[in-house]
Amino acid sequence: MKHCLAVLCLVAAWIGMLAAGEDADIRKEIEDLRKRIRALRHGTIAEDSVSVRSAEALLGNRYGPDARTTSKQGKLTLGALMQIWYYSIRNDNCNWVDQQALVPGAGVRTQFGSNETADNDSFAMRRMRLLFTMDVHENVRAFVMINGAATFAGRPNLPDNQAGVAVFTNAGFAPGTGAPIGSARNSTARSGSAGAISVLEEAWINYHDAIPHHDIQIGLMIRKLGEEGPRPSGTLDFVERAMISQFSCYPDTGIQLHGTWWNDRFQYYLAGSNGAGLAFQPRINRADDNEAKDFLGTLFVRPVWKDETWGSLELGYTFLWGMGGEAGGHRPADLPVDGLNYPETVHRHHQAWAAYFPGGPAKGWWLRGEWGKYWDRFRSNQVVSYFAGLGSVRNPAPMSIQGWYVSTGYKIADSVWANDVPSWFKPCEFTFRYDTMQNLFYSDLVYPSRRTDVFSTQVYTAGLNYYIRGHNTKIQVNYNWCLEDADDSGLRQLREVRNNSLVVCFQVMW
């Protein structure tokens, strides 16, 4: 018993030292305690083993590179994601609409084809997220995520640098400003100004282990809308999400029920959220703009999962339905009223995906694919074709767009060759993706005030991931070949932009 009493005395002395605030030499004292406990272990009898293990567990959770920071009441886990980019974009000072070809000698005020900022090489702080997870009770967990790099300061979207202020909107003018979109971006970069984007990305409370096979979550959260969109940004296969997935990763405020069965092989999500705004408007931490809510249902199955021979297969589908807008029939440009002035619009979103990770001799190889279809409406004056008498789309009709991608990769560390290659080569993963989406919008030639024509972008991406310490420390290199629709009727002068890009991402996550 004397060893047990000695251990208890040591732990009591350490706790007393913390209470007294003697922090200067705390790390040295901890290491000394570890050494003394290990020394005691050599002469410990059986009845002391539990006490020694308990003391080591208590001390081991305090410090160290893999240790969690905990609070006195409950358990607080701190995390972070830091991504620093360098990108180089092939220079082209005109975007996908050749305004000079349409109206020779047109001035800057009518030329919305400026690409001067969108083709600049730059370093960028793409993500700087702080994550706080608090287990306040055995059935209650709270989570907060803050992104200190959320503000927009002239950085072009990638892999397609033609996207403007909104996620996919290549409307000629910045929404609601009447200013050319290229000039608006140039002004942002020139002045160093940033948009009013919420740095609070997620804040939710989760109730779990109270209802068998289910948990309930309420707050601001990333909805399970597809596969790649909700996936944590630090675990992406490429530097940036595919185009159809970028809109799926926006959080919204609401409530969600999650069910899981048969060792996570069958899962479903049912959710209701605000769904404020119209097409491509961020919905992060904003009040709803009508009484209706968005409803989401997601189902995915894993017929084969973590099998040594056959590997893992996942199949999933999401459907979202909701109503946006209020004060239907009024347009800010023509019939302003003291209301939201957005026509009531049904918005729908379909997302389907498949992912396969083979086992056996093919392990290390993986294949993913995802398709999405989006139905919504633009705001008045959001899409503009300012030439030849074609003005803005003032009373936009609902529109539908589609996109899909297929990607594949081979991870050396997970392959059958892992033990036969040089150590410097083992952390490599080679990736490739084909990505296409209808993301270029234009006023219709016949009904320019009502209809929107949609054109596509295709992106081929070749990548290399180098895992220094898994996803926690990695370097990603992507080269994007971008191809815009250039089917010219003579009245639009659509062109293929010289905008291939090289992107390098340095990531640390903990």
Protein backbone atom coordinates (compact mmCIF):
# COMPACT_ATOMS: atom_id res chain seq x y z
CA MET A 1 0.00 0.00 0.00
CA LYS A 2 2.94 2.35 0.49
CA HIS A 3 3.39 2.66 -3.28
CA CYS A 4 -0.26 3.48 -3.69
CA LEU A 5 -0.06 6.15 -1.01
CA ALA A 6 3.07 7.56 -2.63
CA VAL A 7 1.35 7.86 -5.98
CA LEU A 8 -1.68 9.52 -4.43
CA CYS A 9 0.55 11.97 -2.60
CA LEU A 10 2.34 12.84 -5.83
CA VAL A 11 -0.94 13.46 -7.65
CA ALA A 12 -2.27 15.50 -4.74
CA ALA A 13 0.89 17.60 -4.73
CA TRP A 14 0.57 18.21 -8.47
CA ILE A 15 -3.06 19.31 -8.14
CA GLY A 16 -2.13 21.60 -5.29
CA MET A 17 0.59 23.13 -7.38
CA LEU A 18 -1.92 23.88 -10.15
CA ALA A 19 -4.28 25.50 -7.66
CA ALA A 20 -1.49 27.70 -6.37
CA GLY A 21 -0.85 28.97 -9.89
CA GLU A 22 2.77 27.81 -10.09
CA ASP A 23 2.77 27.46 -13.87
CA ALA A 24 6.34 28.48 -14.66
CA ASP A 25 7.88 25.06 -14.10
CA ILE A 26 4.74 22.96 -14.60
CA ARG A 27 6.03 21.06 -17.62
CA LYS A 28 9.26 20.12 -15.86
CA GLU A 29 7.33 18.97 -12.80
CA ILE A 30 5.04 16.83 -14.93
CA GLU A 31 7.97 15.07 -16.55
CA ASP A 32 9.53 14.47 -13.14
CA LEU A 33 6.27 12.94 -11.94
CA ARG A 34 6.16 10.67 -14.98
CA LYS A 35 9.68 9.44 -14.29
CA ARG A 36 8.92 8.77 -10.63
CA ILE A 37 5.74 6.88 -11.48
CA ARG A 38 7.64 4.72 -13.98
CA ALA A 39 10.22 4.04 -11.30
CA LEU A 40 7.49 3.03 -8.85
CA ARG A 41 6.01 0.69 -11.42
CA HIS A 42 9.04 -1.63 -11.31
CA GLY A 43 8.36 -2.47 -7.66
CA THR A 44 4.58 -2.23 -7.73
CA ILE A 45 2.42 -5.09 -6.43
CA ALA A 46 -0.82 -6.08 -8.20
CA GLU A 47 -3.10 -3.95 -6.02
CA ASP A 48 -1.20 -0.81 -7.02
CA SER A 49 -1.56 -1.22 -10.79
CA VAL A 50 -4.92 0.51 -11.02
CA SER A 51 -3.67 3.52 -9.10
CA VAL A 52 -0.56 3.83 -11.25
CA ARG A 53 -2.55 3.60 -14.47
CA SER A 54 -5.04 6.18 -13.20
CA ALA A 55 -2.28 8.58 -12.28
CA GLU A 56 -0.58 8.18 -15.65
CA ALA A 57 -3.86 8.70 -17.46
CA LEU A 58 -4.51 11.85 -15.47
CA LEU A 59 -1.09 13.28 -16.20
CA GLY A 60 -0.90 12.06 -19.79
CA ASN A 61 -3.96 14.01 -20.87
CA ARG A 62 -2.51 17.36 -19.88
CA TYR A 63 0.27 18.08 -22.35
CA GLY A 64 1.85 16.75 -25.51
CA PRO A 65 1.49 17.17 -29.28
CA ASP A 66 -1.43 14.73 -29.47
CA ALA A 67 -3.09 15.64 -26.18
CA ARG A 68 -6.48 17.27 -25.91
CA THR A 69 -7.04 20.46 -23.99
CA THR A 70 -9.78 19.80 -21.47
CA SER A 71 -11.78 21.94 -19.08
CA LYS A 72 -12.62 21.35 -15.43
CA GLN A 73 -16.29 20.72 -16.19
CA GLY A 74 -16.93 18.64 -19.30
CA LYS A 75 -14.35 18.11 -22.02
CA LEU A 76 -13.29 20.92 -24.33
CA THR A 77 -11.43 19.96 -27.52
CA LEU A 78 -9.67 22.65 -29.53
CA GLY A 79 -8.86 22.26 -33.21
CA ALA A 80 -7.80 24.34 -36.18
CA LEU A 81 -7.41 24.20 -39.95
CA MET A 82 -4.91 26.45 -41.73
CA GLN A 83 -4.62 26.46 -45.52
CA ILE A 84 -2.22 28.78 -47.32
CA TRP A 85 -2.42 28.85 -51.10
CA TYR A 86 -0.18 30.00 -53.86
CA TYR A 87 -1.83 30.13 -57.28
CA SER A 88 -0.60 31.11 -60.72
CA ILE A 89 -3.19 31.75 -63.45
CA ARG A 90 -2.52 32.00 -67.14
CA ASN A 91 -2.84 35.66 -68.13
CA ASP A 92 -5.83 36.86 -70.11
CA ASN A 93 -7.16 40.39 -69.57
CA CYS A 94 -10.59 39.57 -71.03
CA ASN A 95 -13.18 37.15 -69.64
CA TRP A 96 -15.51 34.69 -71.40
CA VAL A 97 -17.51 37.48 -73.11
CA ASP A 98 -15.45 39.41 -75.66
CA GLN A 99 -17.08 42.83 -75.28
CA GLN A 100 -14.61 44.51 -77.62
CA ALA A 101 -15.58 42.09 -80.40
CA LEU A 102 -19.25 42.82 -79.78
CA VAL A 103 -18.94 46.59 -79.65
CA PRO A 104 -15.62 47.69 -81.18
CA GLY A 105 -14.14 50.62 -79.32
CA ALA A 106 -16.46 50.21 -76.32
CA GLY A 107 -15.30 52.07 -73.25
CA VAL A 108 -14.53 50.75 -69.81
CA ARG A 109 -18.01 51.63 -68.52
CA THR A 110 -19.65 49.18 -70.91
CA GLN A 111 -16.93 46.58 -70.96
CA PHE A 112 -17.66 43.92 -68.36
CA GLY A 113 -14.93 41.69 -69.73
CA SER A 114 -12.11 42.95 -67.49
CA ASN A 115 -10.09 40.05 -66.14
CA GLU A 116 -7.18 42.04 -64.74
CA THR A 117 -7.52 40.84 -61.14
CA ALA A 118 -8.83 37.36 -61.88
CA ASP A 119 -5.61 36.36 -63.64
CA ASN A 120 -3.14 37.69 -61.07
CA ASP A 121 -0.80 35.28 -59.31
CA SER A 122 -1.08 35.53 -55.55
CA PHE A 123 -0.62 34.02 -52.13
CA ALA A 124 -3.94 33.55 -50.32
CA MET A 125 -5.05 32.66 -46.80
CA ARG A 126 -7.79 30.35 -48.02
CA ARG A 127 -8.96 28.98 -44.67
CA MET A 128 -8.10 29.75 -41.06
CA ARG A 129 -10.65 27.92 -38.97
CA LEU A 130 -10.81 27.52 -35.21
CA LEU A 131 -12.92 24.64 -33.89
CA PHE A 132 -14.28 24.28 -30.37
CA THR A 133 -16.02 21.07 -29.30
CA MET A 134 -17.48 20.87 -25.80
CA ASP A 135 -18.89 17.66 -24.32
CA VAL A 136 -20.93 19.22 -21.54
CA HIS A 137 -22.83 16.02 -20.74
CA GLU A 138 -22.72 12.40 -21.80
CA ASN A 139 -25.62 13.16 -24.15
CA VAL A 140 -24.90 16.78 -25.09
CA ARG A 141 -22.16 18.17 -27.32
CA ALA A 142 -21.71 21.75 -28.54
CA PHE A 143 -19.60 22.81 -31.51
CA VAL A 144 -18.43 26.21 -32.79
CA MET A 145 -16.34 26.86 -35.92
CA ILE A 146 -14.96 30.30 -36.78
CA ASN A 147 -13.20 31.09 -40.06
CA GLY A 148 -10.90 34.07 -39.73
CA ALA A 149 -10.21 34.00 -43.49
CA ALA A 150 -13.86 34.20 -44.55
CA THR A 151 -13.77 37.72 -45.98
CA PHE A 152 -13.44 38.17 -49.71
CA ALA A 153 -10.70 40.52 -50.92
CA GLY A 154 -10.51 40.15 -54.66
CA ARG A 155 -9.39 36.51 -54.78
CA PRO A 156 -10.81 34.70 -57.84
CA ASN A 157 -12.78 31.52 -57.38
CA LEU A 158 -11.05 28.29 -58.39
CA PRO A 159 -10.86 25.96 -60.23
CA ASP A 160 -12.79 28.34 -62.55
CA ASN A 161 -11.60 31.92 -62.05
CA GLN A 162 -14.52 33.34 -64.07
CA ALA A 163 -16.97 33.03 -61.16
CA GLY A 164 -17.88 36.39 -59.73
CA VAL A 165 -19.19 37.68 -56.44
CA ALA A 166 -21.59 34.77 -55.99
CA VAL A 167 -20.41 31.18 -55.99
CA PHE A 168 -21.15 30.27 -59.59
CA THR A 169 -22.71 33.44 -61.00
CA ASN A 170 -20.92 34.71 -64.06
CA ALA A 171 -23.50 37.39 -64.55
CA GLY A 172 -22.06 40.36 -66.37
CA PHE A 173 -22.60 42.76 -63.47
CA ALA A 174 -22.09 42.48 -59.75
CA PRO A 175 -25.53 41.67 -58.26
CA GLY A 176 -27.47 44.77 -57.32
CA THR A 177 -24.65 47.22 -58.02
CA GLY A 178 -24.87 47.95 -61.74
CA ALA A 179 -21.08 47.82 -61.83
CA PRO A 180 -19.18 45.53 -64.20
CA ILE A 181 -18.22 42.37 -62.36
CA GLY A 182 -14.60 42.54 -63.44
CA SER A 183 -14.36 46.16 -62.36
CA ALA A 184 -16.02 45.36 -59.03
CA ARG A 185 -13.43 42.69 -58.32
CA ASN A 186 -10.63 45.01 -59.43
CA SER A 187 -11.91 47.73 -57.12
CA THR A 188 -11.99 45.29 -54.21
CA ALA A 189 -8.39 44.28 -54.76
CA ARG A 190 -7.26 47.85 -55.38
CA SER A 191 -8.78 49.24 -52.17
CA GLY A 192 -8.21 46.16 -50.00
CA SER A 193 -11.87 46.14 -49.00
CA ALA A 194 -13.65 42.93 -48.08
CA GLY A 195 -17.23 41.79 -48.21
CA ALA A 196 -19.40 41.50 -45.12
CA ILE A 197 -19.15 37.73 -44.82
CA SER A 198 -19.90 36.01 -41.52
CA VAL A 199 -16.84 34.56 -39.81
CA LEU A 200 -19.13 32.28 -37.80
CA GLU A 201 -19.50 29.19 -39.97
CA GLU A 202 -21.01 26.65 -37.59
CA ALA A 203 -22.54 26.72 -34.11
CA TRP A 204 -24.73 23.81 -33.06
CA ILE A 205 -25.82 21.60 -30.17
CA ASN A 206 -26.03 17.83 -30.63
CA TYR A 207 -28.08 15.44 -28.50
CA HIS A 208 -26.84 11.86 -28.85
CA ASP A 209 -26.99 8.40 -27.22
CA ALA A 210 -30.43 9.18 -25.80
CA ILE A 211 -32.55 7.76 -28.66
CA PRO A 212 -31.25 4.43 -29.99
CA HIS A 213 -29.47 4.81 -33.36
CA HIS A 214 -30.26 8.54 -33.58
CA ASP A 215 -28.92 11.97 -32.73
CA ILE A 216 -30.56 15.40 -33.04
CA GLN A 217 -28.69 18.57 -33.95
CA ILE A 218 -29.91 22.16 -33.87
CA GLY A 219 -28.19 25.41 -34.82
CA LEU A 220 -26.04 26.70 -37.67
CA MET A 221 -24.63 23.67 -39.49
CA ILE A 222 -23.42 22.30 -42.81
CA ARG A 223 -26.30 20.22 -44.11
CA LYS A 224 -25.74 16.74 -45.50
CA LEU A 225 -26.29 17.96 -49.06
CA GLY A 226 -24.37 15.50 -51.20
CA GLU A 227 -21.01 13.95 -50.35
CA GLU A 228 -18.13 16.33 -51.14
CA GLY A 229 -19.88 19.52 -50.02
CA PRO A 230 -20.35 18.52 -46.34
CA ARG A 231 -16.97 16.77 -46.17
CA PRO A 232 -14.50 18.60 -43.88
CA SER A 233 -12.32 20.95 -45.93
CA GLY A 234 -9.14 19.53 -44.44
CA THR A 235 -9.86 16.08 -45.90
CA LEU A 236 -10.52 17.05 -49.52
CA ASP A 237 -8.84 15.06 -52.29
CA PHE A 238 -8.12 18.24 -54.23
CA VAL A 239 -7.16 21.79 -53.30
CA GLU A 240 -10.75 22.95 -53.85
CA ARG A 241 -14.15 21.28 -54.17
CA ALA A 242 -15.69 20.57 -57.54
CA MET A 243 -17.95 23.32 -58.87
CA ILE A 244 -21.25 21.54 -58.17
CA SER A 245 -20.15 20.85 -54.57
CA GLN A 246 -19.08 24.38 -53.63
CA PHE A 247 -22.62 25.59 -53.06
CA SER A 248 -23.42 22.45 -51.03
CA CYS A 249 -20.94 23.32 -48.27
CA TYR A 250 -22.74 26.51 -47.16
CA PRO A 251 -24.19 26.21 -43.65
CA ASP A 252 -27.79 27.08 -42.79
CA THR A 253 -29.67 27.41 -39.51
CA GLY A 254 -32.16 24.71 -38.59
CA ILE A 255 -32.64 21.29 -37.03
CA GLN A 256 -31.49 17.86 -38.18
CA LEU A 257 -32.26 14.23 -37.29
CA HIS A 258 -29.57 11.66 -38.08
CA GLY A 259 -30.07 7.92 -37.95
CA THR A 260 -27.46 5.20 -38.34
CA TRP A 261 -27.86 1.42 -38.41
CA TRP A 262 -25.82 -1.74 -38.94
CA ASN A 263 -22.44 -0.32 -37.96
CA ASP A 264 -22.94 2.88 -40.00
CA ARG A 265 -23.71 0.96 -43.20
CA PHE A 266 -27.15 2.56 -43.50
CA GLN A 267 -27.63 6.22 -42.59
CA TYR A 268 -30.19 8.93 -43.21
CA TYR A 269 -30.67 12.63 -42.45
CA LEU A 270 -33.90 14.60 -42.18
CA ALA A 271 -33.54 18.36 -41.76
CA GLY A 272 -35.45 21.63 -41.80
CA SER A 273 -33.65 24.97 -42.23
CA ASN A 274 -34.33 28.61 -43.07
CA GLY A 275 -33.32 28.52 -46.72
CA ALA A 276 -33.33 32.31 -47.00
CA GLY A 277 -32.52 34.07 -50.24
CA LEU A 278 -32.58 33.25 -53.93
CA ALA A 279 -30.05 31.66 -56.27
CA PHE A 280 -26.47 31.43 -55.04
CA GLN A 281 -26.96 33.72 -52.06
CA PRO A 282 -25.03 32.61 -48.94
CA ARG A 283 -27.36 31.57 -46.14
CA ILE A 284 -24.86 31.67 -43.29
CA ASN A 285 -26.38 32.92 -40.03
CA ARG A 286 -29.11 35.05 -41.59
CA ALA A 287 -32.76 35.39 -40.68
CA ASP A 288 -35.33 33.77 -42.92
CA ASP A 289 -37.02 35.92 -45.54
CA ASN A 290 -40.41 34.19 -45.38
CA GLU A 291 -42.47 31.75 -43.33
CA ALA A 292 -41.51 28.68 -45.37
CA LYS A 293 -38.54 26.44 -44.60
CA ASP A 294 -36.26 24.18 -46.63
CA PHE A 295 -36.66 20.44 -46.08
CA LEU A 296 -33.86 18.01 -46.78
CA GLY A 297 -33.70 14.24 -46.93
CA THR A 298 -30.47 12.30 -47.43
CA LEU A 299 -29.99 8.55 -47.59
CA PHE A 300 -26.81 6.58 -48.16
CA VAL A 301 -25.90 2.90 -47.95
CA ARG A 302 -22.65 0.97 -47.81
CA PRO A 303 -23.27 -2.48 -49.31
CA VAL A 304 -19.59 -3.32 -48.88
CA TRP A 305 -17.60 -1.65 -46.14
CA LYS A 306 -14.00 -2.14 -45.00
CA ASP A 307 -13.79 -5.61 -46.50
CA GLU A 308 -10.23 -6.86 -47.02
CA THR A 309 -11.07 -8.31 -50.42
CA TRP A 310 -13.80 -6.08 -51.84
CA GLY A 311 -13.02 -2.80 -50.08
CA SER A 312 -15.72 -0.16 -49.45
CA LEU A 313 -18.62 1.10 -51.55
CA GLU A 314 -20.96 4.02 -50.72
CA LEU A 315 -24.07 5.11 -52.63
CA GLY A 316 -26.10 8.17 -51.65
CA TYR A 317 -28.84 10.59 -52.67
CA THR A 318 -30.07 13.96 -51.36
CA PHE A 319 -33.23 15.90 -52.15
CA LEU A 320 -33.88 19.44 -50.90
CA TRP A 321 -37.13 21.36 -51.38
CA GLY A 322 -37.99 24.83 -50.13
CA MET A 323 -39.62 28.18 -50.81
CA GLY A 324 -37.66 31.42 -51.08
CA GLY A 325 -38.73 35.02 -51.36
CA GLU A 326 -41.82 36.96 -50.33
CA ALA A 327 -44.06 39.75 -51.71
CA GLY A 328 -44.27 37.88 -54.99
CA GLY A 329 -44.72 39.86 -58.19
CA HIS A 330 -42.86 42.98 -57.09
CA ARG A 331 -39.52 43.92 -58.63
CA PRO A 332 -37.21 46.47 -56.99
CA ALA A 333 -36.49 48.14 -60.34
CA ASP A 334 -40.12 48.61 -61.37
CA LEU A 335 -42.55 48.23 -58.48
CA PRO A 336 -40.76 48.86 -55.20
CA VAL A 337 -42.74 48.19 -52.06
CA ASP A 338 -41.82 48.09 -48.40
CA GLY A 339 -41.11 44.38 -48.43
CA LEU A 340 -38.56 41.85 -49.55
CA ASN A 341 -39.55 42.27 -53.20
CA TYR A 342 -38.51 38.75 -54.17
CA PRO A 343 -41.05 36.66 -56.07
CA GLU A 344 -41.89 33.48 -54.20
CA THR A 345 -39.79 30.75 -55.74
CA VAL A 346 -39.57 27.02 -55.20
CA HIS A 347 -35.95 25.95 -55.02
CA ARG A 348 -34.96 22.31 -55.40
CA HIS A 349 -31.66 20.56 -55.19
CA HIS A 350 -30.85 16.97 -56.18
CA GLN A 351 -27.50 15.40 -55.39
CA ALA A 352 -26.40 11.81 -56.02
CA TRP A 353 -23.01 10.23 -55.46
CA ALA A 354 -20.99 7.04 -55.43
CA ALA A 355 -17.58 6.27 -53.93
CA TYR A 356 -15.56 3.07 -54.19
CA PHE A 357 -12.33 2.10 -52.42
CA PRO A 358 -11.20 -1.34 -53.62
CA GLY A 359 -9.51 -3.93 -51.43
CA GLY A 360 -7.17 -6.77 -52.28
CA PRO A 361 -4.42 -6.08 -54.83
CA ALA A 362 -6.16 -2.88 -55.98
CA LYS A 363 -6.18 -1.21 -52.56
CA GLY A 364 -4.81 2.30 -52.56
CA TRP A 365 -6.88 3.16 -55.62
CA TRP A 366 -10.18 5.05 -55.19
CA LEU A 367 -12.98 6.39 -57.37
CA ARG A 368 -15.64 9.05 -56.65
CA GLY A 369 -18.41 10.61 -58.66
CA GLU A 370 -21.21 13.08 -57.94
CA TRP A 371 -24.05 14.72 -59.87
CA GLY A 372 -26.19 17.68 -58.88
CA LYS A 373 -29.16 19.58 -60.28
CA TYR A 374 -30.22 22.95 -58.95
CA TRP A 375 -33.51 24.85 -59.55
CA ASP A 376 -33.95 28.43 -58.35
CA ARG A 377 -34.39 32.05 -59.47
CA PHE A 378 -32.01 35.00 -59.76
CA ARG A 379 -32.70 38.35 -58.19
CA SER A 380 -33.84 41.18 -60.43
CA ASN A 381 -30.93 42.79 -62.33
CA GLN A 382 -28.48 40.09 -61.24
CA VAL A 383 -27.77 38.93 -64.80
CA VAL A 384 -26.90 41.73 -67.22
CA SER A 385 -25.92 41.84 -70.89
CA TYR A 386 -25.13 45.49 -71.41
CA PHE A 387 -24.91 45.87 -75.17
CA ALA A 388 -26.96 45.95 -78.38
CA GLY A 389 -30.11 46.92 -76.51
CA LEU A 390 -30.04 43.90 -74.19
CA GLY A 391 -30.47 45.10 -70.63
CA SER A 392 -30.71 43.23 -67.36
CA VAL A 393 -32.93 40.26 -66.60
CA ARG A 394 -35.43 42.36 -64.61
CA ASN A 395 -38.16 39.79 -64.03
CA PRO A 396 -36.17 36.55 -64.09
CA ALA A 397 -37.94 33.26 -64.63
CA PRO A 398 -36.82 30.21 -62.62
CA MET A 399 -33.80 28.47 -64.08
CA SER A 400 -32.23 25.03 -63.78
CA ILE A 401 -28.55 24.07 -63.91
CA GLN A 402 -26.65 20.80 -63.67
CA GLY A 403 -23.12 19.70 -62.94
CA TRP A 404 -21.13 16.59 -62.20
CA TYR A 405 -17.64 15.32 -61.62
CA VAL A 406 -15.75 12.05 -61.53
CA SER A 407 -12.42 11.75 -59.74
CA THR A 408 -9.88 9.05 -59.06
CA GLY A 409 -6.61 8.64 -57.23
CA TYR A 410 -3.94 6.23 -56.09
CA LYS A 411 -2.44 6.50 -52.61
CA ILE A 412 0.93 4.80 -52.35
CA ALA A 413 0.84 4.40 -48.55
CA ASP A 414 -2.36 2.33 -48.78
CA SER A 415 -1.27 0.20 -51.74
CA VAL A 416 0.32 -3.25 -51.89
CA TRP A 417 3.57 -1.52 -52.88
CA ALA A 418 3.81 0.57 -49.72
CA ASN A 419 6.69 -1.44 -48.22
CA ASP A 420 8.64 -1.69 -51.48
CA VAL A 421 9.03 1.98 -52.40
CA PRO A 422 11.51 4.56 -51.05
CA SER A 423 10.41 6.34 -47.88
CA TRP A 424 10.23 9.73 -49.64
CA PHE A 425 7.82 8.30 -52.24
CA LYS A 426 5.46 6.54 -49.84
CA PRO A 427 3.52 9.71 -48.76
CA CYS A 428 2.50 10.46 -52.39
CA GLU A 429 -1.03 10.29 -53.76
CA PHE A 430 -1.78 10.93 -57.44
CA THR A 431 -5.22 12.31 -58.34
CA PHE A 432 -7.26 13.29 -61.39
CA ARG A 433 -10.71 14.88 -61.78
CA TYR A 434 -13.06 15.82 -64.60
CA ASP A 435 -15.48 18.54 -63.49
CA THR A 436 -18.23 20.25 -65.48
CA MET A 437 -21.05 22.60 -64.58
CA GLN A 438 -23.49 25.06 -66.15
CA ASN A 439 -22.17 28.19 -64.45
CA LEU A 440 -22.03 30.92 -67.13
CA PHE A 441 -25.20 33.02 -67.28
CA TYR A 442 -26.35 35.37 -70.01
CA SER A 443 -29.47 37.31 -70.93
CA ASP A 444 -31.55 35.44 -73.48
CA LEU A 445 -31.43 36.98 -76.95
CA VAL A 446 -35.21 36.71 -77.51
CA TYR A 447 -36.54 37.52 -74.03
CA PRO A 448 -33.63 39.32 -72.33
CA SER A 449 -35.72 40.80 -69.51
CA ARG A 450 -37.16 37.44 -68.51
CA ARG A 451 -35.05 34.46 -69.52
CA THR A 452 -31.47 33.41 -68.81
CA ASP A 453 -29.27 31.33 -71.08
CA VAL A 454 -26.78 29.04 -69.41
CA PHE A 455 -23.37 27.89 -70.65
CA SER A 456 -20.91 25.39 -69.21
CA THR A 457 -17.36 25.24 -67.93
CA GLN A 458 -15.23 22.09 -68.01
CA VAL A 459 -12.17 21.65 -65.81
CA TYR A 460 -9.59 18.86 -65.95
CA THR A 461 -7.50 18.68 -62.78
CA ALA A 462 -4.31 16.69 -62.24
CA GLY A 463 -3.04 16.61 -58.67
CA LEU A 464 -0.40 15.40 -56.27
CA ASN A 465 -0.96 15.11 -52.52
CA TYR A 466 2.06 14.69 -50.25
CA TYR A 467 1.06 13.53 -46.76
CA ILE A 468 3.71 14.53 -44.25
CA ARG A 469 1.44 13.47 -41.39
CA GLY A 470 -1.82 12.40 -42.96
CA HIS A 471 -4.34 15.19 -43.45
CA ASN A 472 -2.88 16.98 -40.42
CA THR A 473 0.15 18.10 -42.41
CA LYS A 474 0.10 17.86 -46.19
CA ILE A 475 0.98 19.68 -49.40
CA GLN A 476 -1.38 19.59 -52.38
CA VAL A 477 -0.50 20.60 -55.93
CA ASN A 478 -3.21 20.91 -58.61
CA TYR A 479 -3.08 21.98 -62.24
CA ASN A 480 -6.45 22.97 -63.76
CA TRP A 481 -7.19 23.00 -67.48
CA CYS A 482 -10.30 25.23 -67.83
CA LEU A 483 -12.52 25.25 -70.93
CA GLU A 484 -15.47 27.63 -71.30
CA ASP A 485 -18.29 27.21 -73.81
CA ALA A 486 -17.36 29.21 -76.88
CA ASP A 487 -20.28 28.44 -79.20
CA ASP A 488 -20.63 31.90 -80.72
CA SER A 489 -23.85 32.90 -82.45
CA GLY A 490 -22.28 36.17 -83.57
CA LEU A 491 -24.44 38.13 -81.13
CA ARG A 492 -22.72 36.98 -77.93
CA GLN A 493 -19.05 36.57 -78.85
CA LEU A 494 -18.40 33.92 -76.21
CA ARG A 495 -14.78 32.92 -76.06
CA GLU A 496 -12.48 30.37 -74.44
CA VAL A 497 -10.47 32.16 -71.75
CA ARG A 498 -6.79 31.49 -71.26
CA ASN A 499 -7.21 30.72 -67.57
CA ASN A 500 -5.46 27.45 -66.78
CA SER A 501 -4.10 27.58 -63.25
CA LEU A 502 -1.53 26.01 -60.94
CA VAL A 503 -2.54 25.92 -57.26
CA VAL A 504 -0.38 24.83 -54.32
CA CYS A 505 -1.92 24.38 -50.87
CA PHE A 506 0.09 24.11 -47.65
CA GLN A 507 -2.10 22.68 -44.88
CA VAL A 508 -1.76 22.15 -41.14
CA MET A 509 -4.67 20.79 -39.14
CA TRP A 510 -5.04 19.72 -35.54
